[in-house]
Amino acid sequence: MEEMIEDCAPRMAEAMGWTVDEAASLLGAVLPTLRRWREVAENEDAYGQEARAAYGDEVVDAANEKYVAMGEAAHLQADELALAINEQLRRAMETGDPAGPEARKLVAMHARWLRMYWPDGLYTPEAHKGLADGYVADDRFRAYYEKVAPGAAQFLRDAIHACA
């Protein structure tokens, strides 16, 4: 993104009659939001029809708006939490107990991650369990978790059902 700003700012400044710093500042503010809208569009292409059928347009639109409105720090925090969840999933799987202390910690972390993206007030243990069922039923989600470890999608689903 820095390269794009460095490339575009001088031309934008010249075209608009601004200083390069003014153009770079505007681009720095706008580009992350445009990138997030592109990510929303890609997510809509991949999962939108299913999500809208399952949760409704209002919920999906609210989730998309929340995602776009998140600041860079919140996005970094969510990304770091996602990595930590995968590490915790490995630790919990090592115990073999989807209802044990490591699994409870895993489920709490996963719930916190969902709340970062889901519209306020949408999270419930039942909604969490429904999503977890999808992690096993949908090959795309299963494949994501199977990269963590074989059987990870099923273990996560079982842990969420036991602990959410």
Protein backbone atom coordinates (compact mmCIF):
# COMPACT_ATOMS: atom_id res chain seq x y z
CA MET A 1 0.00 0.00 0.00
CA GLU A 2 2.90 2.35 0.73
CA GLU A 3 4.16 1.88 -2.82
CA MET A 4 0.73 2.72 -4.21
CA ILE A 5 0.58 5.90 -2.16
CA GLU A 6 4.09 6.92 -3.24
CA ASP A 7 3.17 6.22 -6.85
CA CYS A 8 -0.24 7.92 -6.88
CA ALA A 9 0.20 10.85 -4.49
CA PRO A 10 2.29 13.09 -6.78
CA ARG A 11 -0.09 12.65 -9.72
CA MET A 12 -3.13 13.16 -7.51
CA ALA A 13 -1.58 16.26 -5.95
CA GLU A 14 -0.85 17.74 -9.36
CA ALA A 15 -4.34 16.96 -10.68
CA MET A 16 -6.08 18.37 -7.61
CA GLY A 17 -3.80 21.32 -6.92
CA TRP A 18 -2.77 19.86 -3.55
CA THR A 19 0.56 19.24 -1.92
CA VAL A 20 1.97 15.73 -2.17
CA ASP A 21 1.58 15.40 1.60
CA GLU A 22 -2.13 16.26 1.37
CA ALA A 23 -2.67 13.71 -1.38
CA ALA A 24 -0.66 11.05 0.48
CA SER A 25 -2.66 11.72 3.65
CA LEU A 26 -5.96 11.28 1.84
CA LEU A 27 -4.78 8.13 0.08
CA GLY A 28 -3.51 6.73 3.37
CA ALA A 29 -6.94 7.24 4.89
CA VAL A 30 -8.97 5.96 1.94
CA LEU A 31 -6.98 2.99 0.64
CA PRO A 32 -7.44 0.74 3.69
CA THR A 33 -11.20 1.25 3.49
CA LEU A 34 -11.22 0.51 -0.24
CA ARG A 35 -9.16 -2.62 0.41
CA ARG A 36 -11.68 -3.77 3.04
CA TRP A 37 -14.59 -3.15 0.64
CA ARG A 38 -12.76 -5.27 -1.94
CA GLU A 39 -12.39 -8.01 0.68
CA VAL A 40 -16.12 -7.74 1.44
CA ALA A 41 -16.88 -8.12 -2.27
CA GLU A 42 -14.64 -11.19 -2.50
CA ASN A 43 -16.32 -12.67 0.59
CA GLU A 44 -19.74 -11.96 -0.93
CA ASP A 45 -18.69 -13.81 -4.08
CA ALA A 46 -17.48 -16.81 -2.10
CA TYR A 47 -20.03 -17.01 0.74
CA GLY A 48 -22.60 -14.24 0.33
CA GLN A 49 -25.49 -16.24 -1.07
CA GLU A 50 -25.20 -18.87 1.66
CA ALA A 51 -24.73 -16.32 4.42
CA ARG A 52 -27.70 -14.26 3.28
CA ALA A 53 -29.88 -17.38 3.05
CA ALA A 54 -28.84 -18.46 6.54
CA TYR A 55 -28.75 -15.12 8.37
CA GLY A 56 -30.62 -12.62 6.20
CA ASP A 57 -29.57 -9.52 4.31
CA GLU A 58 -29.75 -7.22 7.33
CA VAL A 59 -27.32 -9.29 9.40
CA VAL A 60 -24.86 -9.80 6.54
CA ASP A 61 -24.97 -6.12 5.60
CA ALA A 62 -24.38 -5.13 9.24
CA ALA A 63 -21.44 -7.55 9.49
CA ASN A 64 -19.93 -6.16 6.29
CA GLU A 65 -20.31 -2.59 7.53
CA LYS A 66 -18.72 -3.50 10.87
CA TYR A 67 -15.80 -5.12 9.04
CA VAL A 68 -15.21 -2.09 6.84
CA ALA A 69 -15.48 0.31 9.79
CA MET A 70 -12.87 -1.54 11.85
CA GLY A 71 -9.64 0.36 12.18
CA GLU A 72 -6.29 -1.06 11.17
CA ALA A 73 -5.40 -1.82 14.79
CA ALA A 74 -8.59 -3.83 15.23
CA HIS A 75 -7.89 -5.78 12.04
CA LEU A 76 -4.38 -6.58 13.23
CA GLN A 77 -5.74 -7.64 16.60
CA ALA A 78 -8.28 -9.93 14.90
CA ASP A 79 -5.58 -11.43 12.67
CA GLU A 80 -3.35 -12.07 15.69
CA LEU A 81 -6.25 -13.63 17.55
CA ALA A 82 -6.98 -15.93 14.59
CA LEU A 83 -3.38 -17.18 14.69
CA ALA A 84 -3.60 -17.65 18.46
CA ILE A 85 -6.85 -19.59 18.02
CA ASN A 86 -5.13 -22.01 15.66
CA GLU A 87 -2.29 -22.49 18.15
CA GLN A 88 -4.79 -23.03 20.96
CA LEU A 89 -6.68 -25.50 18.77
CA ARG A 90 -3.46 -27.52 18.42
CA ARG A 91 -2.92 -27.44 22.19
CA ALA A 92 -6.51 -28.43 22.92
CA MET A 93 -6.35 -31.27 20.40
CA GLU A 94 -3.24 -32.62 22.13
CA THR A 95 -5.35 -33.18 25.26
CA GLY A 96 -7.96 -35.12 23.29
CA ASP A 97 -10.70 -33.55 25.43
CA PRO A 98 -13.10 -31.21 23.59
CA ALA A 99 -14.67 -30.25 26.93
CA GLY A 100 -11.48 -29.74 28.94
CA PRO A 101 -9.78 -26.55 30.13
CA GLU A 102 -7.75 -26.07 26.94
CA ALA A 103 -10.90 -26.51 24.85
CA ARG A 104 -12.80 -24.01 27.02
CA LYS A 105 -10.02 -21.49 26.47
CA LEU A 106 -10.17 -22.21 22.73
CA VAL A 107 -13.93 -21.67 22.57
CA ALA A 108 -13.69 -18.42 24.57
CA MET A 109 -11.03 -17.13 22.17
CA HIS A 110 -13.11 -18.16 19.16
CA ALA A 111 -16.19 -16.43 20.60
CA ARG A 112 -14.16 -13.24 21.15
CA TRP A 113 -12.97 -13.42 17.52
CA LEU A 114 -16.55 -13.85 16.25
CA ARG A 115 -17.72 -10.85 18.28
CA MET A 116 -15.07 -8.75 16.55
CA TYR A 117 -16.79 -9.39 13.21
CA TRP A 118 -20.41 -10.14 13.96
CA PRO A 119 -22.90 -7.31 14.47
CA ASP A 120 -23.32 -6.31 18.11
CA GLY A 121 -25.80 -8.51 19.95
CA LEU A 122 -25.78 -11.29 17.34
CA TYR A 123 -23.49 -13.68 19.19
CA THR A 124 -25.23 -16.41 21.15
CA PRO A 125 -23.95 -19.85 22.10
CA GLU A 126 -26.57 -21.31 19.75
CA ALA A 127 -25.33 -19.19 16.83
CA HIS A 128 -21.77 -20.21 17.66
CA LYS A 129 -22.75 -23.88 17.61
CA GLY A 130 -24.55 -23.45 14.29
CA LEU A 131 -21.45 -21.90 12.76
CA ALA A 132 -19.33 -24.73 14.16
CA ASP A 133 -21.58 -27.26 12.45
CA GLY A 134 -20.78 -25.47 9.21
CA TYR A 135 -17.06 -25.87 9.85
CA VAL A 136 -17.57 -29.63 9.55
CA ALA A 137 -20.27 -29.67 6.88
CA ASP A 138 -18.67 -27.22 4.43
CA ASP A 139 -15.54 -28.49 2.70
CA ARG A 140 -14.12 -24.95 2.40
CA PHE A 141 -14.19 -24.37 6.16
CA ARG A 142 -13.14 -27.92 6.92
CA ALA A 143 -10.09 -27.48 4.66
CA TYR A 144 -9.10 -24.28 6.50
CA TYR A 145 -9.09 -26.01 9.87
CA GLU A 146 -7.58 -29.23 8.56
CA LYS A 147 -4.47 -27.16 7.75
CA VAL A 148 -4.07 -26.72 11.50
CA ALA A 149 -4.16 -30.48 12.10
CA PRO A 150 -6.05 -33.51 10.81
CA GLY A 151 -9.41 -33.66 12.58
CA ALA A 152 -9.22 -30.03 13.70
CA ALA A 153 -12.58 -28.99 12.22
CA GLN A 154 -14.39 -31.80 14.03
CA PHE A 155 -12.54 -31.13 17.29
CA LEU A 156 -13.35 -27.42 17.13
CA ARG A 157 -16.99 -28.20 16.41
CA ASP A 158 -17.14 -30.63 19.33
CA ALA A 159 -15.42 -28.14 21.65
CA ILE A 160 -17.83 -25.36 20.70
CA HIS A 161 -20.79 -27.66 21.28
CA ALA A 162 -19.38 -28.69 24.67
CA CYS A 163 -18.21 -25.29 25.89
CA ALA A 164 -20.12 -22.45 24.22
